[in-house]
């Protein structure tokens, strides 16, 4: 059975819009892991300094405690950073990689837990050999932890800010009157969600009228769950205008799609 390999992953919405994402390959992921491994090793080494007294009692016990500490720190580091940095560790941030749900949905904590708990399997026997082979054999470059958690790792290259001058020209944005909620929206929105909103606006002419209305209403409903603006700011505006307002906040107010 052959596996069709590609460096892109496409999400198709019910309205017929395709969003293509760049998949991170084994080499790039290994480089990101190397950075994370250095951070984990440094943290474990600092703990090792405090285990000096324990070595004088029993070197075997000290070695066991060090191994447990390394395992706990490595798993905890991955879980904590990927949760608070929305799918990124320090290594992934440096190499512009990000973990995301395979359906393009918001990453859940349970997914982060699963993919990190299975790292010890992917890491066998050394240097992530099992995980690397799984990536090579997977059409979506997934290691075993990704397959179990239903996640993928994408490349998020830095790109220049989009030119929204024509797209948003002449449109009054009532959301800007609520800077605190705007800040909350920027904080809660992932780069992937910001990119989908922008692509929906840029490709709006490709949609049939009814599909266009449905798509923007779904996007507007989703962004309302991230930050709810008061009724006086949203009264009477369409789903498309809601998404326009969101895009202006995300892209003109300091938030980058590749941050």
Protein backbone atom coordinates (compact mmCIF):
# COMPACT_ATOMS: atom_id res chain seq x y z
CA UNK A 1 0.00 0.00 0.00
CA UNK A 2 1.50 3.33 -1.06
CA UNK A 3 1.17 6.50 0.97
CA UNK A 4 0.79 9.75 -0.91
CA UNK A 5 3.16 12.22 0.70
CA UNK A 6 2.69 15.96 0.39
CA UNK A 7 4.11 18.97 2.18
CA UNK A 8 0.72 20.66 2.41
CA UNK A 9 -2.46 19.89 4.28
CA UNK A 10 -5.79 21.18 2.98
CA UNK A 11 -8.85 21.96 5.08
CA UNK A 12 -12.11 22.07 3.11
CA UNK A 13 -15.00 23.94 4.70
CA UNK A 14 -18.64 22.93 4.08
CA UNK A 15 -18.94 26.09 1.96
CA UNK A 16 -16.24 24.88 -0.44
CA UNK A 17 -13.36 27.09 0.74
CA UNK A 18 -9.96 25.42 0.81
CA UNK A 19 -7.25 26.49 3.25
CA UNK A 20 -3.78 25.06 2.61
CA UNK A 21 -1.26 24.67 5.44
CA UNK A 22 2.42 23.75 5.20
CA UNK A 23 3.27 20.57 7.09
CA UNK A 24 6.43 20.37 9.19
CA UNK A 25 8.69 17.50 8.14
CA UNK A 26 10.78 15.21 10.38
CA UNK A 27 13.99 17.24 9.97
CA UNK A 28 12.45 20.56 10.97
CA UNK A 29 10.64 18.94 13.87
CA UNK A 30 13.85 17.28 15.02
CA UNK A 31 15.63 20.65 15.04
CA UNK A 32 12.82 22.13 17.14
CA UNK A 33 13.02 19.16 19.49
CA UNK A 34 16.79 19.68 19.80
CA UNK A 35 16.18 23.19 21.12
CA UNK A 36 13.57 21.89 23.56
CA UNK A 37 15.88 19.06 24.61
CA UNK A 38 18.59 21.60 25.47
CA UNK A 39 16.12 23.56 27.60
CA UNK A 40 14.93 20.41 29.37
CA UNK A 41 18.50 19.22 29.93
CA UNK A 42 19.48 22.57 31.41
CA UNK A 43 16.51 22.46 33.78
CA UNK A 44 17.31 18.88 34.77
CA UNK A 45 20.95 19.82 35.28
CA UNK A 46 19.95 22.56 37.69
CA UNK A 47 17.99 20.00 39.69
CA UNK A 48 21.01 17.69 39.56
CA UNK A 49 23.02 20.29 41.44
CA UNK A 50 20.65 19.94 44.36
CA UNK A 51 20.95 16.16 44.22
CA UNK A 52 24.63 16.28 45.10
CA UNK A 53 23.90 15.41 48.71
CA UNK A 54 21.74 12.49 47.63
CA UNK A 55 24.64 11.07 45.61
CA UNK A 56 26.72 10.86 48.73
CA UNK A 57 24.07 8.57 50.19
CA UNK A 58 23.31 6.47 47.12
CA UNK A 59 24.42 7.05 43.54
CA UNK A 60 21.73 4.65 42.27
CA UNK A 61 19.00 6.55 44.07
CA UNK A 62 20.33 9.85 42.76
CA UNK A 63 20.35 8.45 39.22
CA UNK A 64 16.78 7.23 39.56
CA UNK A 65 15.58 10.58 40.90
CA UNK A 66 17.38 12.37 38.06
CA UNK A 67 15.72 10.12 35.47
CA UNK A 68 12.28 10.70 37.00
CA UNK A 69 12.95 14.44 37.12
CA UNK A 70 13.99 14.46 33.46
CA UNK A 71 10.86 12.57 32.43
CA UNK A 72 8.57 14.81 34.51
CA UNK A 73 10.18 18.02 33.26
CA UNK A 74 10.16 16.94 29.62
CA UNK A 75 6.49 15.95 29.69
CA UNK A 76 5.46 18.92 31.81
CA UNK A 77 7.45 21.35 29.67
CA UNK A 78 5.75 20.18 26.49
CA UNK A 79 2.26 20.27 28.01
CA UNK A 80 2.69 23.69 29.64
CA UNK A 81 4.30 25.49 26.70
CA UNK A 82 2.01 24.03 24.04
CA UNK A 83 -1.05 24.96 26.09
CA UNK A 84 -0.05 28.52 27.03
CA UNK A 85 1.61 29.27 23.68
CA UNK A 86 -1.25 27.73 21.67
CA UNK A 87 0.60 24.76 20.19
CA UNK A 88 4.18 25.96 20.45
CA UNK A 89 7.23 25.15 22.55
CA UNK A 90 10.34 27.31 22.58
CA UNK A 91 11.85 25.20 19.80
CA UNK A 92 8.70 25.44 17.71
CA UNK A 93 8.53 29.20 18.20
CA UNK A 94 12.12 29.61 17.01
CA UNK A 95 11.47 27.49 13.92
CA UNK A 96 7.97 28.84 13.27
CA UNK A 97 6.16 25.56 13.88
CA UNK A 98 2.81 25.04 15.58
CA UNK A 99 0.66 22.11 16.69
CA UNK A 100 -2.96 22.21 15.61
CA UNK A 101 -6.00 19.98 15.44
CA UNK A 102 -6.10 17.92 12.24
CA UNK A 103 -9.53 19.36 11.39
CA UNK A 104 -8.37 22.93 11.89
CA UNK A 105 -10.35 23.21 15.12
CA UNK A 106 -9.13 24.76 18.35
CA UNK A 107 -6.52 22.64 20.13
CA UNK A 108 -7.86 20.97 23.28
CA UNK A 109 -5.86 20.35 26.44
CA UNK A 110 -6.56 16.61 26.20
CA UNK A 111 -4.88 16.54 22.79
CA UNK A 112 -1.79 18.24 24.18
CA UNK A 113 -1.72 15.77 27.07
CA UNK A 114 -1.97 12.73 24.79
CA UNK A 115 0.69 13.79 22.28
CA UNK A 116 3.15 14.66 25.06
CA UNK A 117 2.53 11.55 27.14
CA UNK A 118 3.32 9.43 24.08
CA UNK A 119 6.66 11.16 23.53
CA UNK A 120 8.45 8.40 25.41
CA UNK A 121 7.18 5.90 22.81
CA UNK A 122 8.09 8.13 19.85
CA UNK A 123 11.51 8.70 21.41
CA UNK A 124 12.42 5.00 21.39
CA UNK A 125 14.98 3.60 21.09
CA UNK A 126 17.01 6.83 20.78
CA UNK A 127 16.71 10.25 19.13
CA UNK A 128 13.01 9.86 18.27
CA UNK A 129 13.65 6.98 15.88
CA UNK A 130 10.12 5.58 16.22
CA UNK A 131 8.57 9.04 15.89
CA UNK A 132 10.74 9.87 12.90
CA UNK A 133 9.79 6.66 11.11
CA UNK A 134 6.13 7.30 11.86
CA UNK A 135 6.44 10.78 10.30
CA UNK A 136 8.08 9.35 7.19
CA UNK A 137 5.33 6.76 6.81
CA UNK A 138 2.47 9.14 7.59
CA UNK A 139 0.79 11.13 4.82
CA UNK A 140 0.42 14.02 7.27
CA UNK A 141 3.92 13.79 8.82
CA UNK A 142 2.44 12.65 12.14
CA UNK A 143 4.36 10.85 14.85
CA UNK A 144 2.48 8.31 16.98
CA UNK A 145 1.54 10.97 19.53
CA UNK A 146 0.00 13.11 16.79
CA UNK A 147 -1.97 10.19 15.39
CA UNK A 148 -3.37 9.36 18.83
CA UNK A 149 -4.17 13.00 19.62
CA UNK A 150 -5.51 13.79 16.12
CA UNK A 151 -3.02 16.63 15.68
CA UNK A 152 -0.59 17.83 13.03
CA UNK A 153 2.44 20.14 13.16
CA UNK A 154 2.48 22.90 10.58
CA UNK A 155 5.10 25.35 9.41
CA UNK A 156 4.04 28.91 10.04
CA UNK A 157 6.52 30.99 7.99
CA UNK A 158 6.79 34.68 8.62
CA UNK A 159 5.01 36.67 5.96
CA UNK A 160 4.51 40.36 5.40
CA UNK A 161 1.35 41.95 6.72
CA UNK A 162 -1.54 41.79 4.24
CA UNK A 163 -2.66 44.97 2.56
CA UNK A 164 -6.16 45.55 3.89
CA UNK A 165 -6.49 49.14 2.73
CA UNK A 166 -8.90 48.27 -0.10
CA UNK A 167 -10.58 45.38 1.68
CA UNK A 168 -11.55 47.47 4.70
CA UNK A 169 -11.70 50.89 3.06
CA UNK A 170 -14.62 53.04 4.10
CA UNK A 171 -15.94 50.56 6.66
CA UNK A 172 -16.73 51.87 10.13
CA UNK A 173 -15.58 49.47 12.84
CA UNK A 174 -17.72 49.80 15.95
CA UNK A 175 -15.58 47.21 17.75
CA UNK A 176 -12.68 49.65 18.04
CA UNK A 177 -14.67 51.61 20.61
CA UNK A 178 -14.06 48.73 23.04
CA UNK A 179 -10.25 48.40 23.26
CA UNK A 180 -10.31 45.98 26.21
CA UNK A 181 -12.47 43.50 24.30
CA UNK A 182 -10.31 43.98 21.21
CA UNK A 183 -7.26 43.05 23.26
CA UNK A 184 -9.06 39.95 24.56
CA UNK A 185 -9.95 38.97 20.99
CA UNK A 186 -6.32 39.30 19.87
CA UNK A 187 -5.18 37.23 22.83
CA UNK A 188 -7.71 34.43 22.31
CA UNK A 189 -7.40 34.14 18.52
CA UNK A 190 -4.83 31.72 17.13
CA UNK A 191 -2.83 32.58 13.99
CA UNK A 192 -4.73 29.86 12.12
CA UNK A 193 -8.10 31.40 13.06
CA UNK A 194 -6.88 34.84 12.01
CA UNK A 195 -5.68 33.42 8.70
CA UNK A 196 -9.01 31.72 8.01
CA UNK A 197 -10.90 34.98 8.62
CA UNK A 198 -8.57 36.84 6.26
CA UNK A 199 -8.78 34.17 3.54
CA UNK A 200 -12.57 34.16 3.78
CA UNK A 201 -12.58 37.90 3.11
CA UNK A 202 -10.02 37.80 0.31
CA UNK A 203 -11.84 34.97 -1.48
CA UNK A 204 -15.41 36.09 -0.84
CA UNK A 205 -16.14 36.61 -4.54
CA UNK A 206 -15.52 32.90 -5.18
CA UNK A 207 -18.54 31.93 -3.07
CA UNK A 208 -22.14 31.48 -4.08
CA UNK A 209 -24.35 34.09 -2.35
CA UNK A 210 -26.00 31.64 0.07
CA UNK A 211 -22.73 29.86 0.89
CA UNK A 212 -21.11 33.25 1.46
CA UNK A 213 -23.76 34.23 4.00
CA UNK A 214 -23.52 30.89 5.80
CA UNK A 215 -19.73 30.97 5.97
CA UNK A 216 -19.56 34.45 7.48
CA UNK A 217 -22.30 33.69 9.96
CA UNK A 218 -20.38 30.62 11.16
CA UNK A 219 -17.15 32.59 11.42
CA UNK A 220 -18.89 35.41 13.27
CA UNK A 221 -20.44 32.91 15.70
CA UNK A 222 -17.02 31.40 16.34
CA UNK A 223 -15.34 34.75 17.02
CA UNK A 224 -18.15 35.70 19.39
CA UNK A 225 -17.10 32.75 21.57
CA UNK A 226 -13.57 34.20 21.77
CA UNK A 227 -14.62 37.72 22.79
CA UNK A 228 -18.18 38.99 23.12
CA UNK A 229 -18.75 42.61 22.11
CA UNK A 230 -21.74 44.48 23.59
CA UNK A 231 -24.99 44.70 21.65
CA UNK A 232 -24.51 48.37 20.78
CA UNK A 233 -21.36 47.44 18.82
CA UNK A 234 -22.89 44.49 16.95
CA UNK A 235 -26.49 45.56 16.39
CA UNK A 236 -27.53 45.47 12.75
CA UNK A 237 -24.22 44.30 11.26
CA UNK A 238 -24.01 41.27 9.00
CA UNK A 239 -21.80 38.26 9.54
CA UNK A 240 -19.46 39.49 6.80
CA UNK A 241 -19.08 42.90 8.43
CA UNK A 242 -18.47 41.18 11.76
CA UNK A 243 -15.58 39.22 10.21
CA UNK A 244 -14.28 42.42 8.57
CA UNK A 245 -14.21 44.11 11.96
CA UNK A 246 -12.41 41.13 13.48
CA UNK A 247 -9.82 41.08 10.68
CA UNK A 248 -9.09 44.77 11.14
CA UNK A 249 -8.53 44.24 14.86
CA UNK A 250 -6.25 41.25 14.30
CA UNK A 251 -4.19 42.67 11.44
CA UNK A 252 -4.24 46.42 11.89
CA UNK A 253 -3.95 46.50 15.67
CA UNK A 254 -0.68 44.66 16.11
CA UNK A 255 -1.70 41.03 15.84
CA UNK A 256 0.06 39.12 13.04
CA UNK A 257 -1.26 35.96 11.44
CA UNK A 258 2.14 34.39 11.96
CA UNK A 259 2.83 35.53 15.51
